[in-house]
Full PDB file with SEQRES, HELIX, SHEET, SSBOND, CRYST1, ORIGX, SCALE, CONECT and MASTER records, all heavy atoms in Angstrom:
SEQRES   1 A   31  VAL ALA ARG ARG LEU TYR ILE MET GLY ARG ASN SER ILE          
SEQRES   2 A   31  LEU ASP LEU ASN ALA ALA ILE SER ASP LYS ASP SER ALA          
SEQRES   3 A   31  ARG ARG ASN HIS ILE                                          
HELIX    1 AA1 ALA A    2  ILE A    7  1                                   6    
HELIX    2 AA2 ILE A   13  HIS A   30  1                                  18    
CRYST1    1.000    1.000    1.000  90.00  90.00  90.00 P 1           1          
ORIGX1      1.000000  0.000000  0.000000        0.00000                         
ORIGX2      0.000000  1.000000  0.000000        0.00000                         
ORIGX3      0.000000  0.000000  1.000000        0.00000                         
SCALE1      1.000000  0.000000  0.000000        0.00000                         
SCALE2      0.000000  1.000000  0.000000        0.00000                         
SCALE3      0.000000  0.000000  1.000000        0.00000                         
ATOM      1  N   VAL A   1     -55.100  28.541 -22.641  1.00  0.00           N  
ATOM      2  CA  VAL A   1     -53.697  28.641 -23.050  1.00  0.00           C  
ATOM      3  C   VAL A   1     -52.785  28.259 -21.884  1.00  0.00           C  
ATOM      4  O   VAL A   1     -51.805  27.498 -22.083  1.00  0.00           O  
ATOM      5  CB  VAL A   1     -53.381  30.077 -23.555  1.00  0.00           C  
ATOM      6  CG1 VAL A   1     -51.869  30.249 -23.760  1.00  0.00           C  
ATOM      7  CG2 VAL A   1     -54.139  30.360 -24.826  1.00  0.00           C  
ATOM      8  N   ALA A   2     -53.090  28.795 -20.668  1.00  0.00           N  
ATOM      9  CA  ALA A   2     -52.263  28.470 -19.533  1.00  0.00           C  
ATOM     10  C   ALA A   2     -52.290  26.997 -19.193  1.00  0.00           C  
ATOM     11  O   ALA A   2     -51.255  26.406 -18.831  1.00  0.00           O  
ATOM     12  CB  ALA A   2     -52.731  29.296 -18.306  1.00  0.00           C  
ATOM     13  N   ARG A   3     -53.421  26.359 -19.348  1.00  0.00           N  
ATOM     14  CA  ARG A   3     -53.535  24.932 -19.075  1.00  0.00           C  
ATOM     15  C   ARG A   3     -52.730  24.115 -20.087  1.00  0.00           C  
ATOM     16  O   ARG A   3     -52.023  23.156 -19.739  1.00  0.00           O  
ATOM     17  CB  ARG A   3     -55.002  24.527 -19.090  1.00  0.00           C  
ATOM     18  CG  ARG A   3     -55.263  23.051 -18.672  1.00  0.00           C  
ATOM     19  CD  ARG A   3     -56.760  22.800 -18.577  1.00  0.00           C  
ATOM     20  NE  ARG A   3     -57.043  21.486 -18.068  1.00  0.00           N  
ATOM     21  CZ  ARG A   3     -57.085  20.363 -18.800  1.00  0.00           C  
ATOM     22  NH1 ARG A   3     -56.862  20.445 -20.110  1.00  0.00           N  
ATOM     23  NH2 ARG A   3     -57.332  19.185 -18.248  1.00  0.00           N  
ATOM     24  N   ARG A   4     -52.817  24.537 -21.363  1.00  0.00           N  
ATOM     25  CA  ARG A   4     -52.071  23.817 -22.396  1.00  0.00           C  
ATOM     26  C   ARG A   4     -50.564  23.983 -22.200  1.00  0.00           C  
ATOM     27  O   ARG A   4     -49.788  23.012 -22.320  1.00  0.00           O  
ATOM     28  CB  ARG A   4     -52.479  24.353 -23.772  1.00  0.00           C  
ATOM     29  CG  ARG A   4     -51.806  23.580 -24.950  1.00  0.00           C  
ATOM     30  CD  ARG A   4     -52.400  23.978 -26.272  1.00  0.00           C  
ATOM     31  NE  ARG A   4     -52.125  25.355 -26.622  1.00  0.00           N  
ATOM     32  CZ  ARG A   4     -53.036  26.330 -26.639  1.00  0.00           C  
ATOM     33  NH1 ARG A   4     -54.290  26.054 -26.328  1.00  0.00           N  
ATOM     34  NH2 ARG A   4     -52.702  27.565 -26.951  1.00  0.00           N  
ATOM     35  N   LEU A   5     -50.136  25.211 -21.828  1.00  0.00           N  
ATOM     36  CA  LEU A   5     -48.710  25.436 -21.588  1.00  0.00           C  
ATOM     37  C   LEU A   5     -48.224  24.660 -20.390  1.00  0.00           C  
ATOM     38  O   LEU A   5     -47.077  24.167 -20.367  1.00  0.00           O  
ATOM     39  CB  LEU A   5     -48.469  26.949 -21.402  1.00  0.00           C  
ATOM     40  CG  LEU A   5     -48.616  27.828 -22.637  1.00  0.00           C  
ATOM     41  CD1 LEU A   5     -48.453  29.298 -22.276  1.00  0.00           C  
ATOM     42  CD2 LEU A   5     -47.633  27.422 -23.731  1.00  0.00           C  
ATOM     43  N   TYR A   6     -49.096  24.522 -19.363  1.00  0.00           N  
ATOM     44  CA  TYR A   6     -48.663  23.788 -18.183  1.00  0.00           C  
ATOM     45  C   TYR A   6     -48.498  22.311 -18.505  1.00  0.00           C  
ATOM     46  O   TYR A   6     -47.537  21.637 -18.055  1.00  0.00           O  
ATOM     47  CB  TYR A   6     -49.672  23.957 -17.062  1.00  0.00           C  
ATOM     48  CG  TYR A   6     -49.327  23.149 -15.819  1.00  0.00           C  
ATOM     49  CD1 TYR A   6     -48.316  23.571 -14.956  1.00  0.00           C  
ATOM     50  CD2 TYR A   6     -49.960  21.947 -15.577  1.00  0.00           C  
ATOM     51  CE1 TYR A   6     -47.963  22.833 -13.842  1.00  0.00           C  
ATOM     52  CE2 TYR A   6     -49.611  21.178 -14.479  1.00  0.00           C  
ATOM     53  CZ  TYR A   6     -48.618  21.645 -13.599  1.00  0.00           C  
ATOM     54  OH  TYR A   6     -48.260  20.860 -12.504  1.00  0.00           O  
ATOM     55  N   ILE A   7     -49.427  21.777 -19.308  1.00  0.00           N  
ATOM     56  CA  ILE A   7     -49.319  20.380 -19.700  1.00  0.00           C  
ATOM     57  C   ILE A   7     -48.050  20.149 -20.527  1.00  0.00           C  
ATOM     58  O   ILE A   7     -47.393  19.108 -20.393  1.00  0.00           O  
ATOM     59  CB  ILE A   7     -50.576  19.945 -20.498  1.00  0.00           C  
ATOM     60  CG1 ILE A   7     -51.820  19.967 -19.586  1.00  0.00           C  
ATOM     61  CG2 ILE A   7     -50.396  18.564 -21.103  1.00  0.00           C  
ATOM     62  CD1 ILE A   7     -53.111  19.688 -20.312  1.00  0.00           C  
ATOM     63  N   MET A   8     -47.697  21.171 -21.308  1.00  0.00           N  
ATOM     64  CA  MET A   8     -46.474  21.037 -22.136  1.00  0.00           C  
ATOM     65  C   MET A   8     -45.219  21.299 -21.318  1.00  0.00           C  
ATOM     66  O   MET A   8     -44.098  21.175 -21.850  1.00  0.00           O  
ATOM     67  CB  MET A   8     -46.539  22.048 -23.304  1.00  0.00           C  
ATOM     68  CG  MET A   8     -47.670  21.747 -24.283  1.00  0.00           C  
ATOM     69  SD  MET A   8     -47.905  23.098 -25.475  1.00  0.00           S  
ATOM     70  CE  MET A   8     -46.308  23.159 -26.267  1.00  0.00           C  
ATOM     71  N   GLY A   9     -45.385  21.691 -20.054  1.00  0.00           N  
ATOM     72  CA  GLY A   9     -44.224  21.945 -19.204  1.00  0.00           C  
ATOM     73  C   GLY A   9     -43.605  23.302 -19.384  1.00  0.00           C  
ATOM     74  O   GLY A   9     -42.475  23.557 -18.951  1.00  0.00           O  
ATOM     75  N   ARG A  10     -44.315  24.227 -20.016  1.00  0.00           N  
ATOM     76  CA  ARG A  10     -43.769  25.571 -20.278  1.00  0.00           C  
ATOM     77  C   ARG A  10     -44.411  26.624 -19.413  1.00  0.00           C  
ATOM     78  O   ARG A  10     -44.264  27.801 -19.655  1.00  0.00           O  
ATOM     79  CB  ARG A  10     -44.034  25.892 -21.764  1.00  0.00           C  
ATOM     80  CG  ARG A  10     -43.281  24.963 -22.715  1.00  0.00           C  
ATOM     81  CD  ARG A  10     -43.753  25.127 -24.144  1.00  0.00           C  
ATOM     82  NE  ARG A  10     -43.648  26.511 -24.598  1.00  0.00           N  
ATOM     83  CZ  ARG A  10     -44.125  26.922 -25.768  1.00  0.00           C  
ATOM     84  NH1 ARG A  10     -44.748  26.061 -26.588  1.00  0.00           N  
ATOM     85  NH2 ARG A  10     -43.976  28.194 -26.115  1.00  0.00           N  
ATOM     86  N   ASN A  11     -45.134  26.195 -18.377  1.00  0.00           N  
ATOM     87  CA  ASN A  11     -45.816  27.145 -17.478  1.00  0.00           C  
ATOM     88  C   ASN A  11     -45.807  26.579 -16.075  1.00  0.00           C  
ATOM     89  O   ASN A  11     -45.774  25.349 -15.899  1.00  0.00           O  
ATOM     90  CB  ASN A  11     -47.259  27.377 -17.939  1.00  0.00           C  
ATOM     91  CG  ASN A  11     -47.789  28.719 -17.510  1.00  0.00           C  
ATOM     92  OD1 ASN A  11     -47.142  29.430 -16.758  1.00  0.00           O  
ATOM     93  ND2 ASN A  11     -48.968  29.066 -17.981  1.00  0.00           N  
ATOM     94  N   SER A  12     -45.837  27.475 -15.091  1.00  0.00           N  
ATOM     95  CA  SER A  12     -45.796  27.023 -13.708  1.00  0.00           C  
ATOM     96  C   SER A  12     -47.204  26.805 -13.172  1.00  0.00           C  
ATOM     97  O   SER A  12     -48.196  27.303 -13.714  1.00  0.00           O  
ATOM     98  CB  SER A  12     -45.050  28.033 -12.826  1.00  0.00           C  
ATOM     99  OG  SER A  12     -45.816  29.227 -12.715  1.00  0.00           O  
ATOM    100  N   ILE A  13     -47.293  26.108 -12.055  1.00  0.00           N  
ATOM    101  CA  ILE A  13     -48.562  25.874 -11.404  1.00  0.00           C  
ATOM    102  C   ILE A  13     -49.178  27.185 -10.885  1.00  0.00           C  
ATOM    103  O   ILE A  13     -50.378  27.358 -10.859  1.00  0.00           O  
ATOM    104  CB  ILE A  13     -48.427  24.830 -10.258  1.00  0.00           C  
ATOM    105  CG1 ILE A  13     -49.795  24.484  -9.679  1.00  0.00           C  
ATOM    106  CG2 ILE A  13     -47.487  25.345  -9.174  1.00  0.00           C  
ATOM    107  CD1 ILE A  13     -50.719  23.807 -10.630  1.00  0.00           C  
ATOM    108  N   LEU A  14     -48.307  28.117 -10.509  1.00  0.00           N  
ATOM    109  CA  LEU A  14     -48.799  29.413 -10.030  1.00  0.00           C  
ATOM    110  C   LEU A  14     -49.484  30.185 -11.156  1.00  0.00           C  
ATOM    111  O   LEU A  14     -50.521  30.818 -10.949  1.00  0.00           O  
ATOM    112  CB  LEU A  14     -47.624  30.233  -9.440  1.00  0.00           C  
ATOM    113  CG  LEU A  14     -46.967  29.657  -8.182  1.00  0.00           C  
ATOM    114  CD1 LEU A  14     -45.819  30.555  -7.736  1.00  0.00           C  
ATOM    115  CD2 LEU A  14     -47.996  29.545  -7.062  1.00  0.00           C  
ATOM    116  N   ASP A  15     -48.891  30.145 -12.324  1.00  0.00           N  
ATOM    117  CA  ASP A  15     -49.525  30.820 -13.475  1.00  0.00           C  
ATOM    118  C   ASP A  15     -50.862  30.161 -13.826  1.00  0.00           C  
ATOM    119  O   ASP A  15     -51.831  30.841 -14.180  1.00  0.00           O  
ATOM    120  CB  ASP A  15     -48.597  30.758 -14.696  1.00  0.00           C  
ATOM    121  CG  ASP A  15     -47.353  31.624 -14.502  1.00  0.00           C  
ATOM    122  OD1 ASP A  15     -47.458  32.604 -13.736  1.00  0.00           O  
ATOM    123  OD2 ASP A  15     -46.332  31.320 -15.104  1.00  0.00           O  
ATOM    124  N   LEU A  16     -50.927  28.834 -13.712  1.00  0.00           N  
ATOM    125  CA  LEU A  16     -52.165  28.128 -14.010  1.00  0.00           C  
ATOM    126  C   LEU A  16     -53.249  28.499 -12.988  1.00  0.00           C  
ATOM    127  O   LEU A  16     -54.407  28.771 -13.375  1.00  0.00           O  
ATOM    128  CB  LEU A  16     -51.946  26.624 -14.002  1.00  0.00           C  
ATOM    129  CG  LEU A  16     -53.194  25.755 -14.226  1.00  0.00           C  
ATOM    130  CD1 LEU A  16     -53.844  26.052 -15.568  1.00  0.00           C  
ATOM    131  CD2 LEU A  16     -52.847  24.269 -14.122  1.00  0.00           C  
ATOM    132  N   ASN A  17     -52.887  28.520 -11.729  1.00  0.00           N  
ATOM    133  CA  ASN A  17     -53.856  28.891 -10.684  1.00  0.00           C  
ATOM    134  C   ASN A  17     -54.357  30.315 -10.858  1.00  0.00           C  
ATOM    135  O   ASN A  17     -55.528  30.632 -10.643  1.00  0.00           O  
ATOM    136  CB  ASN A  17     -53.243  28.717  -9.308  1.00  0.00           C  
ATOM    137  CG  ASN A  17     -53.075  27.250  -8.924  1.00  0.00           C  
ATOM    138  OD1 ASN A  17     -53.706  26.378  -9.499  1.00  0.00           O  
ATOM    139  ND2 ASN A  17     -52.220  26.997  -7.933  1.00  0.00           N  
ATOM    140  N   ALA A  18     -53.444  31.212 -11.234  1.00  0.00           N  
ATOM    141  CA  ALA A  18     -53.843  32.594 -11.464  1.00  0.00           C  
ATOM    142  C   ALA A  18     -54.819  32.700 -12.637  1.00  0.00           C  
ATOM    143  O   ALA A  18     -55.793  33.471 -12.609  1.00  0.00           O  
ATOM    144  CB  ALA A  18     -52.609  33.466 -11.725  1.00  0.00           C  
ATOM    145  N   ALA A  19     -54.581  31.914 -13.689  1.00  0.00           N  
ATOM    146  CA  ALA A  19     -55.481  31.919 -14.836  1.00  0.00           C  
ATOM    147  C   ALA A  19     -56.858  31.380 -14.480  1.00  0.00           C  
ATOM    148  O   ALA A  19     -57.875  31.906 -14.936  1.00  0.00           O  
ATOM    149  CB  ALA A  19     -54.864  31.094 -15.986  1.00  0.00           C  
ATOM    150  N   ILE A  20     -56.886  30.324 -13.656  1.00  0.00           N  
ATOM    151  CA  ILE A  20     -58.170  29.781 -13.200  1.00  0.00           C  
ATOM    152  C   ILE A  20     -58.921  30.811 -12.369  1.00  0.00           C  
ATOM    153  O   ILE A  20     -60.133  31.018 -12.547  1.00  0.00           O  
ATOM    154  CB  ILE A  20     -57.932  28.484 -12.405  1.00  0.00           C  
ATOM    155  CG1 ILE A  20     -57.399  27.387 -13.321  1.00  0.00           C  
ATOM    156  CG2 ILE A  20     -59.231  28.021 -11.752  1.00  0.00           C  
ATOM    157  CD1 ILE A  20     -56.977  26.123 -12.562  1.00  0.00           C  
ATOM    158  N   SER A  21     -58.212  31.454 -11.463  1.00  0.00           N  
ATOM    159  CA  SER A  21     -58.842  32.491 -10.605  1.00  0.00           C  
ATOM    160  C   SER A  21     -59.391  33.631 -11.430  1.00  0.00           C  
ATOM    161  O   SER A  21     -60.499  34.109 -11.197  1.00  0.00           O  
ATOM    162  CB  SER A  21     -57.844  32.977  -9.571  1.00  0.00           C  
ATOM    163  OG  SER A  21     -58.394  33.987  -8.779  1.00  0.00           O  
ATOM    164  N   ASP A  22     -58.607  34.102 -12.408  1.00  0.00           N  
ATOM    165  CA  ASP A  22     -59.054  35.214 -13.265  1.00  0.00           C  
ATOM    166  C   ASP A  22     -60.261  34.797 -14.096  1.00  0.00           C  
ATOM    167  O   ASP A  22     -61.191  35.579 -14.330  1.00  0.00           O  
ATOM    168  CB  ASP A  22     -57.933  35.665 -14.179  1.00  0.00           C  
ATOM    169  CG  ASP A  22     -56.832  36.388 -13.408  1.00  0.00           C  
ATOM    170  OD1 ASP A  22     -57.076  36.773 -12.245  1.00  0.00           O  
ATOM    171  OD2 ASP A  22     -55.722  36.531 -13.955  1.00  0.00           O  
ATOM    172  N   LYS A  23     -60.264  33.547 -14.581  1.00  0.00           N  
ATOM    173  CA  LYS A  23     -61.396  33.040 -15.380  1.00  0.00           C  
ATOM    174  C   LYS A  23     -62.696  33.061 -14.552  1.00  0.00           C  
ATOM    175  O   LYS A  23     -63.745  33.550 -15.000  1.00  0.00           O  
ATOM    176  CB  LYS A  23     -61.113  31.638 -15.855  1.00  0.00           C  
ATOM    177  CG  LYS A  23     -62.312  30.911 -16.485  1.00  0.00           C  
ATOM    178  CD  LYS A  23     -61.977  29.493 -16.842  1.00  0.00           C  
ATOM    179  CE  LYS A  23     -61.814  28.621 -15.597  1.00  0.00           C  
ATOM    180  NZ  LYS A  23     -63.110  28.298 -14.956  1.00  0.00           N  
ATOM    181  N   ASP A  24     -62.618  32.515 -13.334  1.00  0.00           N  
ATOM    182  CA  ASP A  24     -63.799  32.478 -12.469  1.00  0.00           C  
ATOM    183  C   ASP A  24     -64.253  33.864 -12.067  1.00  0.00           C  
ATOM    184  O   ASP A  24     -65.451  34.186 -12.051  1.00  0.00           O  
ATOM    185  CB  ASP A  24     -63.511  31.645 -11.232  1.00  0.00           C  
ATOM    186  CG  ASP A  24     -63.274  30.171 -11.569  1.00  0.00           C  
ATOM    187  OD1 ASP A  24     -63.581  29.776 -12.700  1.00  0.00           O  
ATOM    188  OD2 ASP A  24     -62.796  29.436 -10.684  1.00  0.00           O  
ATOM    189  N   SER A  25     -63.298  34.745 -11.757  1.00  0.00           N  
ATOM    190  CA  SER A  25     -63.638  36.116 -11.374  1.00  0.00           C  
ATOM    191  C   SER A  25     -64.306  36.881 -12.511  1.00  0.00           C  
ATOM    192  O   SER A  25     -65.274  37.619 -12.321  1.00  0.00           O  
ATOM    193  CB  SER A  25     -62.382  36.832 -10.911  1.00  0.00           C  
ATOM    194  OG  SER A  25     -62.656  38.173 -10.567  1.00  0.00           O  
ATOM    195  N   ALA A  26     -63.815  36.675 -13.733  1.00  0.00           N  
ATOM    196  CA  ALA A  26     -64.388  37.336 -14.894  1.00  0.00           C  
ATOM    197  C   ALA A  26     -65.811  36.864 -15.166  1.00  0.00           C  
ATOM    198  O   ALA A  26     -66.698  37.647 -15.512  1.00  0.00           O  
ATOM    199  CB  ALA A  26     -63.497  37.129 -16.120  1.00  0.00           C  
ATOM    200  N   ARG A  27     -66.043  35.541 -14.977  1.00  0.00           N  
ATOM    201  CA  ARG A  27     -67.399  35.023 -15.181  1.00  0.00           C  
ATOM    202  C   ARG A  27     -68.358  35.585 -14.132  1.00  0.00           C  
ATOM    203  O   ARG A  27     -69.483  35.997 -14.464  1.00  0.00           O  
ATOM    204  CB  ARG A  27     -67.375  33.502 -15.111  1.00  0.00           C  
ATOM    205  CG  ARG A  27     -68.719  32.820 -15.275  1.00  0.00           C  
ATOM    206  CD  ARG A  27     -69.359  33.131 -16.618  1.00  0.00           C  
ATOM    207  NE  ARG A  27     -68.504  32.748 -17.730  1.00  0.00           N  
ATOM    208  CZ  ARG A  27     -68.417  31.540 -18.241  1.00  0.00           C  
ATOM    209  NH1 ARG A  27     -69.170  30.565 -17.763  1.00  0.00           N  
ATOM    210  NH2 ARG A  27     -67.632  31.297 -19.269  1.00  0.00           N  
ATOM    211  N   ARG A  28     -67.913  35.644 -12.891  1.00  0.00           N  
ATOM    212  CA  ARG A  28     -68.779  36.201 -11.825  1.00  0.00           C  
ATOM    213  C   ARG A  28     -69.064  37.678 -12.092  1.00  0.00           C  
ATOM    214  O   ARG A  28     -70.189  38.143 -11.904  1.00  0.00           O  
ATOM    215  CB  ARG A  28     -68.086  36.055 -10.478  1.00  0.00           C  
ATOM    216  CG  ARG A  28     -67.890  34.608 -10.000  1.00  0.00           C  
ATOM    217  CD  ARG A  28     -67.366  34.561  -8.596  1.00  0.00           C  
ATOM    218  NE  ARG A  28     -67.043  33.198  -8.194  1.00  0.00           N  
ATOM    219  CZ  ARG A  28     -65.796  32.700  -8.147  1.00  0.00           C  
ATOM    220  NH1 ARG A  28     -64.776  33.491  -8.426  1.00  0.00           N  
ATOM    221  NH2 ARG A  28     -65.598  31.447  -7.785  1.00  0.00           N  
ATOM    222  N   ASN A  29     -68.068  38.417 -12.522  1.00  0.00           N  
ATOM    223  CA  ASN A  29     -68.250  39.845 -12.786  1.00  0.00           C  
ATOM    224  C   ASN A  29     -69.191  40.061 -13.948  1.00  0.00           C  
ATOM    225  O   ASN A  29     -69.998  41.027 -13.935  1.00  0.00           O  
ATOM    226  CB  ASN A  29     -66.895  40.488 -13.068  1.00  0.00           C  
ATOM    227  CG  ASN A  29     -67.010  41.986 -13.244  1.00  0.00           C  
ATOM    228  OD1 ASN A  29     -67.484  42.688 -12.356  1.00  0.00           O  
ATOM    229  ND2 ASN A  29     -66.572  42.490 -14.386  1.00  0.00           N  
ATOM    230  N   HIS A  30     -69.109  39.218 -14.940  1.00  0.00           N  
ATOM    231  CA  HIS A  30     -70.034  39.338 -16.111  1.00  0.00           C  
ATOM    232  C   HIS A  30     -71.490  39.174 -15.637  1.00  0.00           C  
ATOM    233  O   HIS A  30     -72.372  39.944 -16.020  1.00  0.00           O  
ATOM    234  CB  HIS A  30     -69.660  38.270 -17.142  1.00  0.00           C  
ATOM    235  CG  HIS A  30     -70.453  38.396 -18.400  1.00  0.00           C  
ATOM    236  ND1 HIS A  30     -70.563  37.371 -19.325  1.00  0.00           N  
ATOM    237  CD2 HIS A  30     -71.214  39.416 -18.911  1.00  0.00           C  
ATOM    238  CE1 HIS A  30     -71.306  37.768 -20.332  1.00  0.00           C  
ATOM    239  NE2 HIS A  30     -71.732  38.993 -20.109  1.00  0.00           N  
ATOM    240  N   ILE A  31     -71.746  38.150 -14.843  1.00  0.00           N  
ATOM    241  CA  ILE A  31     -73.113  37.932 -14.329  1.00  0.00           C  
ATOM    242  C   ILE A  31     -73.539  39.096 -13.455  1.00  0.00           C  
ATOM    243  O   ILE A  31     -74.680  39.572 -13.522  1.00  0.00           O  
ATOM    244  CB  ILE A  31     -73.179  36.605 -13.563  1.00  0.00           C  
ATOM    245  CG1 ILE A  31     -72.948  35.427 -14.541  1.00  0.00           C  
ATOM    246  CG2 ILE A  31     -74.517  36.444 -12.875  1.00  0.00           C  
ATOM    247  CD1 ILE A  31     -72.834  34.076 -13.864  1.00  0.00           C  
TER     248      ILE A  31                                                      
MASTER        0    0    0    2    0    0    0    6  247    1    0    3          
END                                                                             
């Protein structure tokens, strides 16, 4: 969602980076 919103210009790069970091952290925590 954050990537789509950024492409549409409705989200900042900081929000996108935070979403990427949370995604990777959640995957590591799951494993």
